[in-house]
Protein backbone atom coordinates (compact mmCIF):
# COMPACT_ATOMS: atom_id res chain seq x y z
CA MET A 1 0.01 0.00 -0.06
CA HIS A 2 1.34 3.43 -0.84
CA LEU A 3 0.25 6.49 0.91
CA ALA A 4 0.79 10.31 0.25
CA VAL A 5 0.96 12.41 3.34
CA CYS A 6 0.40 15.99 2.38
CA GLY A 7 0.73 19.07 4.48
CA ASN A 8 2.59 22.35 4.77
CA CYS A 9 3.94 21.72 8.07
CA ALA A 10 7.04 19.33 7.99
CA GLN A 11 6.76 18.45 11.73
CA GLU A 12 3.11 17.30 11.41
CA THR A 13 3.77 15.45 8.22
CA GLU A 14 6.61 13.71 9.78
CA GLN A 15 4.48 12.88 12.91
CA ILE A 16 1.78 11.38 10.65
CA CYS A 17 4.33 9.18 8.84
CA SER A 18 5.73 8.11 12.09
CA TRP A 19 2.25 7.04 13.43
CA ILE A 20 1.30 5.28 10.18
CA THR A 21 4.78 3.60 10.34
CA GLN A 22 4.17 2.35 14.00
CA TYR A 23 0.61 1.25 13.09
CA CYS A 24 1.74 -0.80 10.01
CA GLN A 25 4.71 -2.37 12.00
CA ALA A 26 2.37 -3.39 14.72
CA SER A 27 -0.42 -4.73 12.39
CA GLY A 28 1.91 -6.39 9.73
CA CYS A 29 0.97 -4.32 6.77
CA ALA A 30 3.46 -3.10 4.29
CA VAL A 31 3.56 0.48 3.60
CA GLY A 32 5.32 3.00 1.10
CA LEU A 33 5.04 6.57 2.43
CA TRP A 34 5.36 9.73 0.35
CA PRO A 35 5.57 12.94 2.01
CA VAL A 36 4.12 15.73 -0.08
CA ARG A 37 4.78 19.43 0.99
CA THR A 38 2.72 21.30 -2.05
CA PRO A 39 -0.49 20.67 -3.96
CA GLU A 40 1.81 20.75 -7.12
CA GLN A 41 3.79 17.70 -5.72
CA LEU A 42 0.64 15.89 -5.26
CA ARG A 43 -0.50 16.47 -8.90
CA GLN A 44 2.94 14.99 -10.01
CA LEU A 45 2.32 11.57 -8.34
CA ARG A 46 0.76 9.18 -10.63
CA GLN A 47 -2.66 8.18 -9.74
CA GLU A 48 -1.74 4.49 -9.63
CA CYS A 49 1.14 4.98 -7.27
CA ILE A 50 -1.10 6.03 -4.29
CA SER A 51 -4.04 4.04 -2.63
CA ALA A 52 -4.73 6.68 0.01
CA ALA A 53 -3.92 10.30 0.85
CA PHE A 54 -3.77 12.17 4.18
CA ILE A 55 -4.23 15.64 2.93
CA GLY A 56 -3.60 18.40 5.68
CA PHE A 57 -2.85 21.61 3.63
CA ASP A 58 -4.16 24.84 4.97
CA ASP A 59 -7.88 25.74 4.86
CA THR A 60 -9.22 25.67 1.30
CA THR A 61 -6.15 24.29 -0.24
CA ALA A 62 -6.90 20.92 1.53
CA PHE A 63 -10.40 20.60 0.19
CA LEU A 64 -9.21 21.83 -3.33
CA ALA A 65 -6.45 19.34 -3.41
CA ALA A 66 -8.71 16.41 -2.47
CA ARG A 67 -11.35 17.45 -4.98
CA GLU A 68 -8.71 17.46 -7.74
CA LEU A 69 -7.26 14.02 -6.46
CA ARG A 70 -10.85 12.66 -6.55
CA ASP A 71 -11.45 13.94 -10.06
CA ARG A 72 -8.21 12.09 -11.09
CA ASP A 73 -8.76 8.93 -9.05
CA ARG A 74 -12.07 7.84 -7.99
CA ASN A 75 -10.56 4.87 -5.96
CA CYS A 76 -8.24 6.70 -3.93
CA ARG A 77 -8.97 6.78 -0.09
CA ILE A 78 -8.87 10.24 1.11
CA ILE A 79 -8.48 11.63 4.50
CA ILE A 80 -8.91 15.29 5.07
CA ILE A 81 -7.04 17.05 7.86
CA ASN A 82 -8.06 20.72 8.66
CA ASP A 83 -8.41 23.31 11.46
CA THR A 84 -12.03 23.66 11.47
CA SER A 85 -14.97 21.53 10.45
CA ARG A 86 -15.96 24.07 7.85
CA TYR A 87 -15.17 21.78 4.95
CA ALA A 88 -16.55 18.46 6.50
CA ILE A 89 -19.73 18.42 4.31
CA ARG A 90 -17.99 19.35 1.12
CA CYS A 91 -15.52 16.49 1.84
CA HIS A 92 -18.44 14.21 2.29
CA ARG A 93 -19.58 15.20 -1.09
CA ILE A 94 -16.37 14.15 -2.74
CA HIS A 95 -16.51 10.85 -0.81
CA ALA A 96 -13.73 11.47 1.53
CA LEU A 97 -13.14 8.53 3.60
CA TYR A 98 -12.53 10.53 6.93
CA PHE A 99 -12.36 13.97 8.19
CA ILE A 100 -9.95 14.96 11.05
CA VAL A 101 -10.11 18.39 12.81
CA ARG A 102 -6.82 19.40 14.37
CA PRO A 103 -5.29 18.70 16.82
CA LEU A 104 -4.02 15.49 15.62
CA GLU A 105 -3.98 12.65 17.97
CA THR A 106 -2.66 9.07 17.45
CA TRP A 107 -6.10 7.71 17.64
CA HIS A 108 -7.12 9.65 14.56
CA ILE A 109 -4.41 7.98 12.36
CA VAL A 110 -5.26 4.67 14.12
CA ARG A 111 -9.07 5.04 13.05
CA SER A 112 -7.93 6.39 9.58
CA MET A 113 -5.72 3.33 8.99
CA GLU A 114 -8.42 0.81 9.93
CA LEU A 115 -10.78 2.64 7.57
CA ILE A 116 -8.30 2.70 4.71
CA LEU A 117 -7.69 -1.09 5.24
CA GLY A 118 -11.24 -1.99 5.57
CA ARG A 119 -10.82 -3.26 9.24
CA ARG A 120 -13.33 -0.84 10.51
CA ALA A 121 -16.75 0.31 9.51
CA TYR A 122 -17.70 3.98 9.62
């Protein structure tokens, strides 16, 4: 499984990658991680390369990047990370798998990974 972890904040992106790695080591699933710092970098990833994306760009940028990814790839599992719940309904409309409101905690990533892997129902 290949995951894109997108965000403007390097520290948050590294923390998410660390939690995903720990989860995958504990649960025995293989994962390839692509840290992405800009929407342009996300666009450059071939759609067949990623099966899921954690998108945590600032405010509207996260939603727009998620919508663009959804338009390119109907099967990608998208997790949106944002400071407010303002875009939650819009993300539901583009079939985002999960919406996380900061501050991030480990359980958010665990739940997201279980949803991505189909180990947990909504």
